[in-house]
Amino acid sequence: MGILDEDVARVRETADLVALVTEQVALRKVGRRYQGLCPFHQEKTPSFSVNPELGLYYCFGCGARGDAISFVRATEHLDFAEAVERLAGRFSIPLRYDDVNVVPKPLQRPHPR
């Protein structure tokens, strides 16, 4: 009973990681990547890197790494399914579940900050 793998993959491909991260961190473009201060530890010089082409982030200071789903999980303290559902709602991606008894949660828009 869970979200279909194809739908999780579509969320990963569609979610704009740069847009998600810039809600928490000021990023600046450096070449093909973006850099900023890491949201997971205190630092004075940027060590947090976002690769929009691969949809991945990495911190050279603390080693935090992942994709849009793991970023939302870590910053909003959600479990995997909740993070996928949050991103699906934000980017208007319909989700399918592998058990017909599962009722999907209604799409929720994040509160403006």
PDB file of N, CA and C in Angstrom:
ATOM      1  N   MET A   1       0.852  -1.167   0.000  1.00  0.00           N
ATOM      2  CA  MET A   1       0.000   0.000   0.000  1.00  0.00           C
ATOM      3  C   MET A   1       0.898   1.230   0.000  1.00  0.00           C
ATOM      4  N   GLY A   2       0.952   1.921  -1.127  1.00  0.00           N
ATOM      5  CA  GLY A   2       1.770   3.109  -1.221  1.00  0.00           C
ATOM      6  C   GLY A   2       1.616   3.784  -2.567  1.00  0.00           C
ATOM      7  N   ILE A   3       2.386   4.815  -2.757  1.00  0.00           N
ATOM      8  CA  ILE A   3       2.365   5.575  -4.001  1.00  0.00           C
ATOM      9  C   ILE A   3       3.103   4.780  -5.063  1.00  0.00           C
ATOM     10  N   LEU A   4       2.557   4.729  -6.263  1.00  0.00           N
ATOM     11  CA  LEU A   4       3.200   3.987  -7.347  1.00  0.00           C
ATOM     12  C   LEU A   4       4.568   4.568  -7.657  1.00  0.00           C
ATOM     13  N   ASP A   5       5.524   3.675  -7.932  1.00  0.00           N
ATOM     14  CA  ASP A   5       6.904   4.089  -8.216  1.00  0.00           C
ATOM     15  C   ASP A   5       6.985   5.069  -9.376  1.00  0.00           C
ATOM     16  N   GLU A   6       6.146   4.865 -10.407  1.00  0.00           N
ATOM     17  CA  GLU A   6       6.173   5.771 -11.562  1.00  0.00           C
ATOM     18  C   GLU A   6       5.781   7.192 -11.149  1.00  0.00           C
ATOM     19  N   ASP A   7       4.843   7.284 -10.212  1.00  0.00           N
ATOM     20  CA  ASP A   7       4.411   8.602  -9.755  1.00  0.00           C
ATOM     21  C   ASP A   7       5.479   9.264  -8.888  1.00  0.00           C
ATOM     22  N   VAL A   8       6.169   8.474  -8.070  1.00  0.00           N
ATOM     23  CA  VAL A   8       7.278   9.019  -7.275  1.00  0.00           C
ATOM     24  C   VAL A   8       8.361   9.536  -8.216  1.00  0.00           C
ATOM     25  N   ALA A   9       8.658   8.768  -9.263  1.00  0.00           N
ATOM     26  CA  ALA A   9       9.669   9.186 -10.246  1.00  0.00           C
ATOM     27  C   ALA A   9       9.234  10.477 -10.941  1.00  0.00           C
ATOM     28  N   ARG A  10       7.947  10.597 -11.263  1.00  0.00           N
ATOM     29  CA  ARG A  10       7.447  11.807 -11.920  1.00  0.00           C
ATOM     30  C   ARG A  10       7.569  13.020 -10.989  1.00  0.00           C
ATOM     31  N   VAL A  11       7.325  12.817  -9.702  1.00  0.00           N
ATOM     32  CA  VAL A  11       7.487  13.908  -8.731  1.00  0.00           C
ATOM     33  C   VAL A  11       8.951  14.342  -8.692  1.00  0.00           C
ATOM     34  N   ARG A  12       9.868  13.381  -8.654  1.00  0.00           N
ATOM     35  CA  ARG A  12      11.304  13.717  -8.637  1.00  0.00           C
ATOM     36  C   ARG A  12      11.711  14.493  -9.885  1.00  0.00           C
ATOM     37  N   GLU A  13      11.191  14.090 -11.035  1.00  0.00           N
ATOM     38  CA  GLU A  13      11.552  14.741 -12.300  1.00  0.00           C
ATOM     39  C   GLU A  13      10.940  16.129 -12.431  1.00  0.00           C
ATOM     40  N   THR A  14       9.742  16.312 -11.904  1.00  0.00           N
ATOM     41  CA  THR A  14       8.988  17.546 -12.103  1.00  0.00           C
ATOM     42  C   THR A  14       9.298  18.619 -11.062  1.00  0.00           C
ATOM     43  N   ALA A  15       9.540  18.207  -9.836  1.00  0.00           N
ATOM     44  CA  ALA A  15       9.752  19.178  -8.753  1.00  0.00           C
ATOM     45  C   ALA A  15      10.964  20.056  -9.051  1.00  0.00           C
ATOM     46  N   ASP A  16      10.785  21.340  -8.911  1.00  0.00           N
ATOM     47  CA  ASP A  16      11.850  22.316  -9.153  1.00  0.00           C
ATOM     48  C   ASP A  16      12.647  22.496  -7.870  1.00  0.00           C
ATOM     49  N   LEU A  17      13.785  21.811  -7.795  1.00  0.00           N
ATOM     50  CA  LEU A  17      14.599  21.837  -6.582  1.00  0.00           C
ATOM     51  C   LEU A  17      15.116  23.237  -6.274  1.00  0.00           C
ATOM     52  N   VAL A  18      15.491  23.988  -7.284  1.00  0.00           N
ATOM     53  CA  VAL A  18      15.986  25.351  -7.051  1.00  0.00           C
ATOM     54  C   VAL A  18      14.887  26.201  -6.409  1.00  0.00           C
ATOM     55  N   ALA A  19      13.668  26.082  -6.894  1.00  0.00           N
ATOM     56  CA  ALA A  19      12.552  26.841  -6.311  1.00  0.00           C
ATOM     57  C   ALA A  19      12.307  26.425  -4.862  1.00  0.00           C
ATOM     58  N   LEU A  20      12.382  25.133  -4.582  1.00  0.00           N
ATOM     59  CA  LEU A  20      12.187  24.656  -3.213  1.00  0.00           C
ATOM     60  C   LEU A  20      13.264  25.180  -2.274  1.00  0.00           C
ATOM     61  N   VAL A  21      14.500  25.083  -2.704  1.00  0.00           N
ATOM     62  CA  VAL A  21      15.615  25.491  -1.848  1.00  0.00           C
ATOM     63  C   VAL A  21      15.608  27.000  -1.621  1.00  0.00           C
ATOM     64  N   THR A  22      15.267  27.775  -2.648  1.00  0.00           N
ATOM     65  CA  THR A  22      15.291  29.238  -2.483  1.00  0.00           C
ATOM     66  C   THR A  22      14.225  29.733  -1.519  1.00  0.00           C
ATOM     67  N   GLU A  23      13.273  28.890  -1.147  1.00  0.00           N
ATOM     68  CA  GLU A  23      12.328  29.271  -0.095  1.00  0.00           C
ATOM     69  C   GLU A  23      13.012  29.271   1.269  1.00  0.00           C
ATOM     70  N   GLN A  24      14.123  28.552   1.384  1.00  0.00           N
ATOM     71  CA  GLN A  24      14.830  28.418   2.650  1.00  0.00           C
ATOM     72  C   GLN A  24      16.200  29.107   2.638  1.00  0.00           C
ATOM     73  N   VAL A  25      16.819  29.167   1.454  1.00  0.00           N
ATOM     74  CA  VAL A  25      18.214  29.594   1.328  1.00  0.00           C
ATOM     75  C   VAL A  25      18.352  30.533   0.134  1.00  0.00           C
ATOM     76  N   ALA A  26      19.125  31.595   0.309  1.00  0.00           N
ATOM     77  CA  ALA A  26      19.452  32.455  -0.822  1.00  0.00           C
ATOM     78  C   ALA A  26      20.505  31.742  -1.663  1.00  0.00           C
ATOM     79  N   LEU A  27      20.189  31.506  -2.929  1.00  0.00           N
ATOM     80  CA  LEU A  27      21.118  30.832  -3.831  1.00  0.00           C
ATOM     81  C   LEU A  27      21.618  31.810  -4.880  1.00  0.00           C
ATOM     82  N   ARG A  28      22.839  31.595  -5.335  1.00  0.00           N
ATOM     83  CA  ARG A  28      23.337  32.360  -6.481  1.00  0.00           C
ATOM     84  C   ARG A  28      23.890  31.366  -7.491  1.00  0.00           C
ATOM     85  N   LYS A  29      23.709  31.697  -8.746  1.00  0.00           N
ATOM     86  CA  LYS A  29      24.151  30.811  -9.807  1.00  0.00           C
ATOM     87  C   LYS A  29      25.657  30.920  -9.995  1.00  0.00           C
ATOM     88  N   VAL A  30      26.312  29.766 -10.024  1.00  0.00           N
ATOM     89  CA  VAL A  30      27.754  29.683 -10.254  1.00  0.00           C
ATOM     90  C   VAL A  30      27.933  28.622 -11.333  1.00  0.00           C
ATOM     91  N   GLY A  31      28.179  29.070 -12.555  1.00  0.00           N
ATOM     92  CA  GLY A  31      28.254  28.126 -13.665  1.00  0.00           C
ATOM     93  C   GLY A  31      26.891  27.518 -13.925  1.00  0.00           C
ATOM     94  N   ARG A  32      26.814  26.197 -13.920  1.00  0.00           N
ATOM     95  CA  ARG A  32      25.546  25.509 -14.169  1.00  0.00           C
ATOM     96  C   ARG A  32      24.846  25.109 -12.871  1.00  0.00           C
ATOM     97  N   ARG A  33      25.432  25.422 -11.736  1.00  0.00           N
ATOM     98  CA  ARG A  33      24.881  25.055 -10.436  1.00  0.00           C
ATOM     99  C   ARG A  33      24.550  26.304  -9.627  1.00  0.00           C
ATOM    100  N   TYR A  34      23.943  26.070  -8.496  1.00  0.00           N
ATOM    101  CA  TYR A  34      23.607  27.148  -7.568  1.00  0.00           C
ATOM    102  C   TYR A  34      24.289  26.863  -6.241  1.00  0.00           C
ATOM    103  N   GLN A  35      24.719  27.936  -5.552  1.00  0.00           N
ATOM    104  CA  GLN A  35      25.374  27.789  -4.261  1.00  0.00           C
ATOM    105  C   GLN A  35      24.709  28.675  -3.229  1.00  0.00           C
ATOM    106  N   GLY A  36      24.795  28.245  -1.985  1.00  0.00           N
ATOM    107  CA  GLY A  36      24.266  29.030  -0.882  1.00  0.00           C
ATOM    108  C   GLY A  36      24.712  28.446   0.437  1.00  0.00           C
ATOM    109  N   LEU A  37      24.279  29.097   1.522  1.00  0.00           N
ATOM    110  CA  LEU A  37      24.567  28.588   2.855  1.00  0.00           C
ATOM    111  C   LEU A  37      23.688  27.370   3.116  1.00  0.00           C
ATOM    112  N   CYS A  38      24.245  26.375   3.735  1.00  0.00           N
ATOM    113  CA  CYS A  38      23.529  25.129   3.984  1.00  0.00           C
ATOM    114  C   CYS A  38      22.415  25.340   5.012  1.00  0.00           C
ATOM    115  N   PRO A  39      21.197  24.858   4.724  1.00  0.00           N
ATOM    116  CA  PRO A  39      20.108  24.987   5.690  1.00  0.00           C
ATOM    117  C   PRO A  39      20.186  23.957   6.815  1.00  0.00           C
ATOM    118  N   PHE A  40      21.139  23.022   6.743  1.00  0.00           N
ATOM    119  CA  PHE A  40      21.213  21.936   7.707  1.00  0.00           C
ATOM    120  C   PHE A  40      22.281  22.132   8.777  1.00  0.00           C
ATOM    121  N   HIS A  41      23.152  23.127   8.620  1.00  0.00           N
ATOM    122  CA  HIS A  41      24.132  23.437   9.646  1.00  0.00           C
ATOM    123  C   HIS A  41      24.544  24.904   9.534  1.00  0.00           C
ATOM    124  N   GLN A  42      25.134  25.428  10.597  1.00  0.00           N
ATOM    125  CA  GLN A  42      25.574  26.825  10.621  1.00  0.00           C
ATOM    126  C   GLN A  42      26.891  26.953   9.864  1.00  0.00           C
ATOM    127  N   GLU A  43      26.966  27.937   8.991  1.00  0.00           N
ATOM    128  CA  GLU A  43      28.210  28.200   8.276  1.00  0.00           C
ATOM    129  C   GLU A  43      28.256  29.654   7.845  1.00  0.00           C
ATOM    130  N   LYS A  44      29.464  30.122   7.554  1.00  0.00           N
ATOM    131  CA  LYS A  44      29.646  31.511   7.131  1.00  0.00           C
ATOM    132  C   LYS A  44      29.940  31.636   5.651  1.00  0.00           C
ATOM    133  N   THR A  45      30.483  30.583   5.057  1.00  0.00           N
ATOM    134  CA  THR A  45      30.749  30.594   3.616  1.00  0.00           C
ATOM    135  C   THR A  45      29.933  29.491   2.953  1.00  0.00           C
ATOM    136  N   PRO A  46      29.401  29.750   1.760  1.00  0.00           N
ATOM    137  CA  PRO A  46      28.530  28.768   1.111  1.00  0.00           C
ATOM    138  C   PRO A  46      29.241  27.454   0.782  1.00  0.00           C
ATOM    139  N   SER A  47      28.608  26.365   1.213  1.00  0.00           N
ATOM    140  CA  SER A  47      29.117  25.039   0.863  1.00  0.00           C
ATOM    141  C   SER A  47      28.002  24.159   0.318  1.00  0.00           C
ATOM    142  N   PHE A  48      26.813  24.733   0.189  1.00  0.00           N
ATOM    143  CA  PHE A  48      25.635  23.997  -0.264  1.00  0.00           C
ATOM    144  C   PHE A  48      25.476  24.202  -1.767  1.00  0.00           C
ATOM    145  N   SER A  49      25.400  23.135  -2.520  1.00  0.00           N
ATOM    146  CA  SER A  49      25.340  23.195  -3.977  1.00  0.00           C
ATOM    147  C   SER A  49      24.089  22.492  -4.490  1.00  0.00           C
ATOM    148  N   VAL A  50      23.413  23.116  -5.451  1.00  0.00           N
ATOM    149  CA  VAL A  50      22.225  22.538  -6.076  1.00  0.00           C
ATOM    150  C   VAL A  50      22.494  22.374  -7.562  1.00  0.00           C
ATOM    151  N   ASN A  51      22.290  21.168  -8.059  1.00  0.00           N
ATOM    152  CA  ASN A  51      22.449  20.869  -9.473  1.00  0.00           C
ATOM    153  C   ASN A  51      21.045  20.709 -10.081  1.00  0.00           C
ATOM    154  N   PRO A  52      20.541  21.745 -10.766  1.00  0.00           N
ATOM    155  CA  PRO A  52      19.180  21.666 -11.299  1.00  0.00           C
ATOM    156  C   PRO A  52      19.027  20.645 -12.424  1.00  0.00           C
ATOM    157  N   GLU A  53      20.109  20.363 -13.147  1.00  0.00           N
ATOM    158  CA  GLU A  53      20.027  19.399 -14.243  1.00  0.00           C
ATOM    159  C   GLU A  53      19.775  17.982 -13.731  1.00  0.00           C
ATOM    160  N   LEU A  54      20.396  17.645 -12.614  1.00  0.00           N
ATOM    161  CA  LEU A  54      20.216  16.323 -12.025  1.00  0.00           C
ATOM    162  C   LEU A  54      19.140  16.306 -10.940  1.00  0.00           C
ATOM    163  N   GLY A  55      18.724  17.492 -10.486  1.00  0.00           N
ATOM    164  CA  GLY A  55      17.727  17.576  -9.425  1.00  0.00           C
ATOM    165  C   GLY A  55      18.273  17.107  -8.085  1.00  0.00           C
ATOM    166  N   LEU A  56      19.542  17.419  -7.822  1.00  0.00           N
ATOM    167  CA  LEU A  56      20.202  16.968  -6.600  1.00  0.00           C
ATOM    168  C   LEU A  56      20.872  18.130  -5.875  1.00  0.00           C
ATOM    169  N   TYR A  57      21.004  17.980  -4.549  1.00  0.00           N
ATOM    170  CA  TYR A  57      21.756  18.942  -3.753  1.00  0.00           C
ATOM    171  C   TYR A  57      22.839  18.199  -2.980  1.00  0.00           C
ATOM    172  N   TYR A  58      23.899  18.949  -2.593  1.00  0.00           N
ATOM    173  CA  TYR A  58      24.974  18.379  -1.784  1.00  0.00           C
ATOM    174  C   TYR A  58      25.624  19.496  -0.987  1.00  0.00           C
ATOM    175  N   CYS A  59      25.914  19.212   0.279  1.00  0.00           N
ATOM    176  CA  CYS A  59      26.648  20.156   1.111  1.00  0.00           C
ATOM    177  C   CYS A  59      28.041  19.609   1.331  1.00  0.00           C
ATOM    178  N   PHE A  60      29.035  20.379   0.930  1.00  0.00           N
ATOM    179  CA  PHE A  60      30.424  19.981   1.102  1.00  0.00           C
ATOM    180  C   PHE A  60      30.878  20.142   2.553  1.00  0.00           C
ATOM    181  N   GLY A  61      30.085  20.838   3.361  1.00  0.00           N
ATOM    182  CA  GLY A  61      30.435  21.036   4.767  1.00  0.00           C
ATOM    183  C   GLY A  61      29.958  19.904   5.664  1.00  0.00           C
ATOM    184  N   CYS A  62      28.680  19.544   5.561  1.00  0.00           N
ATOM    185  CA  CYS A  62      28.119  18.535   6.468  1.00  0.00           C
ATOM    186  C   CYS A  62      27.784  17.217   5.774  1.00  0.00           C
ATOM    187  N   GLY A  63      27.846  17.199   4.435  1.00  0.00           N
ATOM    188  CA  GLY A  63      27.582  15.964   3.708  1.00  0.00           C
ATOM    189  C   GLY A  63      26.119  15.700   3.401  1.00  0.00           C
ATOM    190  N   ALA A  64      25.232  16.641   3.746  1.00  0.00           N
ATOM    191  CA  ALA A  64      23.819  16.457   3.419  1.00  0.00           C
ATOM    192  C   ALA A  64      23.683  16.364   1.905  1.00  0.00           C
ATOM    193  N   ARG A  65      22.840  15.427   1.459  1.00  0.00           N
ATOM    194  CA  ARG A  65      22.666  15.240   0.023  1.00  0.00           C
ATOM    195  C   ARG A  65      21.290  14.668  -0.233  1.00  0.00           C
ATOM    196  N   GLY A  66      20.814  14.856  -1.471  1.00  0.00           N
ATOM    197  CA  GLY A  66      19.540  14.259  -1.824  1.00  0.00           C
ATOM    198  C   GLY A  66      18.874  14.959  -2.978  1.00  0.00           C
ATOM    199  N   ASP A  67      17.567  14.702  -3.076  1.00  0.00           N
ATOM    200  CA  ASP A  67      16.747  15.269  -4.137  1.00  0.00           C
ATOM    201  C   ASP A  67      15.631  16.107  -3.513  1.00  0.00           C
ATOM    202  N   ALA A  68      14.653  16.476  -4.308  1.00  0.00           N
ATOM    203  CA  ALA A  68      13.568  17.326  -3.811  1.00  0.00           C
ATOM    204  C   ALA A  68      12.801  16.644  -2.677  1.00  0.00           C
ATOM    205  N   ILE A  69      12.588  15.345  -2.800  1.00  0.00           N
ATOM    206  CA  ILE A  69      11.832  14.630  -1.769  1.00  0.00           C
ATOM    207  C   ILE A  69      12.598  14.628  -0.458  1.00  0.00           C
ATOM    208  N   SER A  70      13.881  14.316  -0.496  1.00  0.00           N
ATOM    209  CA  SER A  70      14.654  14.292   0.749  1.00  0.00           C
ATOM    210  C   SER A  70      14.805  15.691   1.337  1.00  0.00           C
ATOM    211  N   PHE A  71      14.870  16.722   0.487  1.00  0.00           N
ATOM    212  CA  PHE A  71      14.962  18.095   0.985  1.00  0.00           C
ATOM    213  C   PHE A  71      13.693  18.467   1.746  1.00  0.00           C
ATOM    214  N   VAL A  72      12.539  18.156   1.173  1.00  0.00           N
ATOM    215  CA  VAL A  72      11.268  18.461   1.846  1.00  0.00           C
ATOM    216  C   VAL A  72      11.133  17.639   3.119  1.00  0.00           C
ATOM    217  N   ARG A  73      11.541  16.384   3.078  1.00  0.00           N
ATOM    218  CA  ARG A  73      11.489  15.542   4.281  1.00  0.00           C
ATOM    219  C   ARG A  73      12.303  16.175   5.403  1.00  0.00           C
ATOM    220  N   ALA A  74      13.509  16.610   5.087  1.00  0.00           N
ATOM    221  CA  ALA A  74      14.411  17.140   6.110  1.00  0.00           C
ATOM    222  C   ALA A  74      13.973  18.507   6.620  1.00  0.00           C
ATOM    223  N   THR A  75      13.543  19.375   5.729  1.00  0.00           N
ATOM    224  CA  THR A  75      13.218  20.747   6.147  1.00  0.00           C
ATOM    225  C   THR A  75      11.827  20.870   6.753  1.00  0.00           C
ATOM    226  N   GLU A  76      10.906  19.990   6.368  1.00  0.00           N
ATOM    227  CA  GLU A  76       9.537  20.080   6.888  1.00  0.00           C
ATOM    228  C   GLU A  76       9.205  18.951   7.853  1.00  0.00           C
ATOM    229  N   HIS A  77      10.187  18.088   8.132  1.00  0.00           N
ATOM    230  CA  HIS A  77      10.033  16.988   9.089  1.00  0.00           C
ATOM    231  C   HIS A  77       8.844  16.091   8.733  1.00  0.00           C
ATOM    232  N   LEU A  78       8.851  15.596   7.488  1.00  0.00           N
ATOM    233  CA  LEU A  78       7.786  14.730   6.985  1.00  0.00           C
ATOM    234  C   LEU A  78       8.333  13.341   6.698  1.00  0.00           C
ATOM    235  N   ASP A  79       7.438  12.348   6.658  1.00  0.00           N
ATOM    236  CA  ASP A  79       7.897  11.041   6.206  1.00  0.00           C
ATOM    237  C   ASP A  79       7.876  11.030   4.677  1.00  0.00           C
ATOM    238  N   PHE A  80       8.340   9.928   4.094  1.00  0.00           N
ATOM    239  CA  PHE A  80       8.507   9.867   2.648  1.00  0.00           C
ATOM    240  C   PHE A  80       7.193  10.145   1.902  1.00  0.00           C
ATOM    241  N   ALA A  81       6.139   9.432   2.263  1.00  0.00           N
ATOM    242  CA  ALA A  81       4.860   9.588   1.555  1.00  0.00           C
ATOM    243  C   ALA A  81       4.313  11.006   1.704  1.00  0.00           C
ATOM    244  N   GLU A  82       4.424  11.579   2.890  1.00  0.00           N
ATOM    245  CA  GLU A  82       3.947  12.948   3.101  1.00  0.00           C
ATOM    246  C   GLU A  82       4.715  13.933   2.233  1.00  0.00           C
ATOM    247  N   ALA A  83       6.027  13.742   2.115  1.00  0.00           N
ATOM    248  CA  ALA A  83       6.840  14.633   1.291  1.00  0.00           C
ATOM    249  C   ALA A  83       6.469  14.501  -0.180  1.00  0.00           C
ATOM    250  N   VAL A  84       6.257  13.276  -0.651  1.00  0.00           N
ATOM    251  CA  VAL A  84       5.849  13.072  -2.042  1.00  0.00           C
ATOM    252  C   VAL A  84       4.496  13.721  -2.281  1.00  0.00           C
ATOM    253  N   GLU A  85       3.560  13.535  -1.366  1.00  0.00           N
ATOM    254  CA  GLU A  85       2.227  14.135  -1.509  1.00  0.00           C
ATOM    255  C   GLU A  85       2.297  15.661  -1.484  1.00  0.00           C
ATOM    256  N   ARG A  86       3.135  16.222  -0.625  1.00  0.00           N
ATOM    257  CA  ARG A  86       3.288  17.680  -0.558  1.00  0.00           C
ATOM    258  C   ARG A  86       3.816  18.224  -1.887  1.00  0.00           C
ATOM    259  N   LEU A  87       4.851  17.571  -2.435  1.00  0.00           N
ATOM    260  CA  LEU A  87       5.413  18.008  -3.715  1.00  0.00           C
ATOM    261  C   LEU A  87       4.427  17.797  -4.851  1.00  0.00           C
ATOM    262  N   ALA A  88       3.714  16.700  -4.839  1.00  0.00           N
ATOM    263  CA  ALA A  88       2.725  16.441  -5.891  1.00  0.00           C
ATOM    264  C   ALA A  88       1.654  17.525  -5.874  1.00  0.00           C
ATOM    265  N   GLY A  89       1.217  17.911  -4.695  1.00  0.00           N
ATOM    266  CA  GLY A  89       0.223  18.977  -4.589  1.00  0.00           C
ATOM    267  C   GLY A  89       0.760  20.304  -5.081  1.00  0.00           C
ATOM    268  N   ARG A  90       1.981  20.595  -4.720  1.00  0.00           N
ATOM    269  CA  ARG A  90       2.577  21.879  -5.117  1.00  0.00           C
ATOM    270  C   ARG A  90       2.769  21.985  -6.621  1.00  0.00           C
ATOM    271  N   PHE A  91       3.184  20.876  -7.259  1.00  0.00           N
ATOM    272  CA  PHE A  91       3.469  20.899  -8.689  1.00  0.00           C
ATOM    273  C   PHE A  91       2.353  20.265  -9.521  1.00  0.00           C
ATOM    274  N   SER A  92       1.178  20.103  -8.926  1.00  0.00           N
ATOM    275  CA  SER A  92      -0.038  19.610  -9.614  1.00  0.00           C
ATOM    276  C   SER A  92       0.190  18.278 -10.323  1.00  0.00           C
ATOM    277  N   ILE A  93       0.740  17.329  -9.594  1.00  0.00           N
ATOM    278  CA  ILE A  93       0.999  15.997 -10.138  1.00  0.00           C
ATOM    279  C   ILE A  93       0.014  15.030  -9.485  1.00  0.00           C
ATOM    280  N   PRO A  94      -0.854  14.406 -10.270  1.00  0.00           N
ATOM    281  CA  PRO A  94      -1.778  13.431  -9.665  1.00  0.00           C
ATOM    282  C   PRO A  94      -1.010  12.184  -9.226  1.00  0.00           C
ATOM    283  N   LEU A  95      -1.388  11.648  -8.078  1.00  0.00           N
ATOM    284  CA  LEU A  95      -0.747  10.453  -7.561  1.00  0.00           C
ATOM    285  C   LEU A  95      -1.704   9.268  -7.610  1.00  0.00           C
ATOM    286  N   ARG A  96      -1.135   8.111  -7.896  1.00  0.00           N
ATOM    287  CA  ARG A  96      -1.900   6.861  -7.865  1.00  0.00           C
ATOM    288  C   ARG A  96      -1.294   5.979  -6.771  1.00  0.00           C
ATOM    289  N   TYR A  97      -2.128   5.176  -6.167  1.00  0.00           N
ATOM    290  CA  TYR A  97      -1.698   4.305  -5.080  1.00  0.00           C
ATOM    291  C   TYR A  97      -1.899   2.855  -5.497  1.00  0.00           C
ATOM    292  N   ASP A  98      -1.062   1.959  -4.943  1.00  0.00           N
ATOM    293  CA  ASP A  98      -1.123   0.563  -5.345  1.00  0.00           C
ATOM    294  C   ASP A  98      -2.197  -0.237  -4.620  1.00  0.00           C
ATOM    295  N   ASP A  99      -2.990   0.383  -3.774  1.00  0.00           N
ATOM    296  CA  ASP A  99      -4.091  -0.279  -3.091  1.00  0.00           C
ATOM    297  C   ASP A  99      -5.328   0.594  -3.257  1.00  0.00           C
ATOM    298  N   VAL A 100      -6.387   0.008  -3.786  1.00  0.00           N
ATOM    299  CA  VAL A 100      -7.600   0.792  -4.041  1.00  0.00           C
ATOM    300  C   VAL A 100      -8.258   1.257  -2.751  1.00  0.00           C
ATOM    301  N   ASN A 101      -7.884   0.685  -1.616  1.00  0.00           N
ATOM    302  CA  ASN A 101      -8.460   1.095  -0.337  1.00  0.00           C
ATOM    303  C   ASN A 101      -7.822   2.368   0.211  1.00  0.00           C
ATOM    304  N   VAL A 102      -6.723   2.791  -0.396  1.00  0.00           N
ATOM    305  CA  VAL A 102      -6.056   4.009   0.052  1.00  0.00           C
ATOM    306  C   VAL A 102      -6.754   5.207  -0.574  1.00  0.00           C
ATOM    307  N   VAL A 103      -7.134   6.142   0.255  1.00  0.00           N
ATOM    308  CA  VAL A 103      -7.773   7.357  -0.227  1.00  0.00           C
ATOM    309  C   VAL A 103      -6.723   8.456  -0.254  1.00  0.00           C
ATOM    310  N   PRO A 104      -6.432   9.012  -1.445  1.00  0.00           N
ATOM    311  CA  PRO A 104      -5.413  10.067  -1.492  1.00  0.00           C
ATOM    312  C   PRO A 104      -5.868  11.305  -0.741  1.00  0.00           C
ATOM    313  N   LYS A 105      -4.902  11.963  -0.131  1.00  0.00           N
ATOM    314  CA  LYS A 105      -5.189  13.216   0.561  1.00  0.00           C
ATOM    315  C   LYS A 105      -5.467  14.292  -0.479  1.00  0.00           C
ATOM    316  N   PRO A 106      -6.316  15.265  -0.169  1.00  0.00           N
ATOM    317  CA  PRO A 106      -6.551  16.348  -1.129  1.00  0.00           C
ATOM    318  C   PRO A 106      -5.272  17.142  -1.337  1.00  0.00           C
ATOM    319  N   LEU A 107      -5.139  17.699  -2.538  1.00  0.00           N
ATOM    320  CA  LEU A 107      -3.960  18.506  -2.842  1.00  0.00           C
ATOM    321  C   LEU A 107      -3.930  19.714  -1.919  1.00  0.00           C
ATOM    322  N   GLN A 108      -2.769  19.952  -1.331  1.00  0.00           N
ATOM    323  CA  GLN A 108      -2.608  21.092  -0.436  1.00  0.00           C
ATOM    324  C   GLN A 108      -1.578  22.031  -1.001  1.00  0.00           C
ATOM    325  N   ARG A 109      -1.908  23.282  -1.009  1.00  0.00           N
ATOM    326  CA  ARG A 109      -0.964  24.300  -1.444  1.00  0.00           C
ATOM    327  C   ARG A 109      -0.193  24.788  -0.228  1.00  0.00           C
ATOM    328  N   PRO A 110       1.116  25.012  -0.356  1.00  0.00           N
ATOM    329  CA  PRO A 110       1.875  25.512   0.792  1.00  0.00           C
ATOM    330  C   PRO A 110       1.459  26.932   1.117  1.00  0.00           C
ATOM    331  N   HIS A 111       1.600  27.272   2.392  1.00  0.00           N
ATOM    332  CA  HIS A 111       1.290  28.631   2.816  1.00  0.00           C
ATOM    333  C   HIS A 111       2.384  29.566   2.329  1.00  0.00           C
ATOM    334  N   PRO A 112       2.014  30.745   1.832  1.00  0.00           N
ATOM    335  CA  PRO A 112       3.040  31.708   1.410  1.00  0.00           C
ATOM    336  C   PRO A 112       3.841  32.142   2.634  1.00  0.00           C
ATOM    337  N   ARG A 113       5.117  32.352   2.412  1.00  0.00           N
ATOM    338  CA  ARG A 113       6.000  32.758   3.525  1.00  0.00           C
ATOM    339  C   ARG A 113       6.267  34.221   3.458  1.00  0.00           C
TER     340      ARG A 113
END
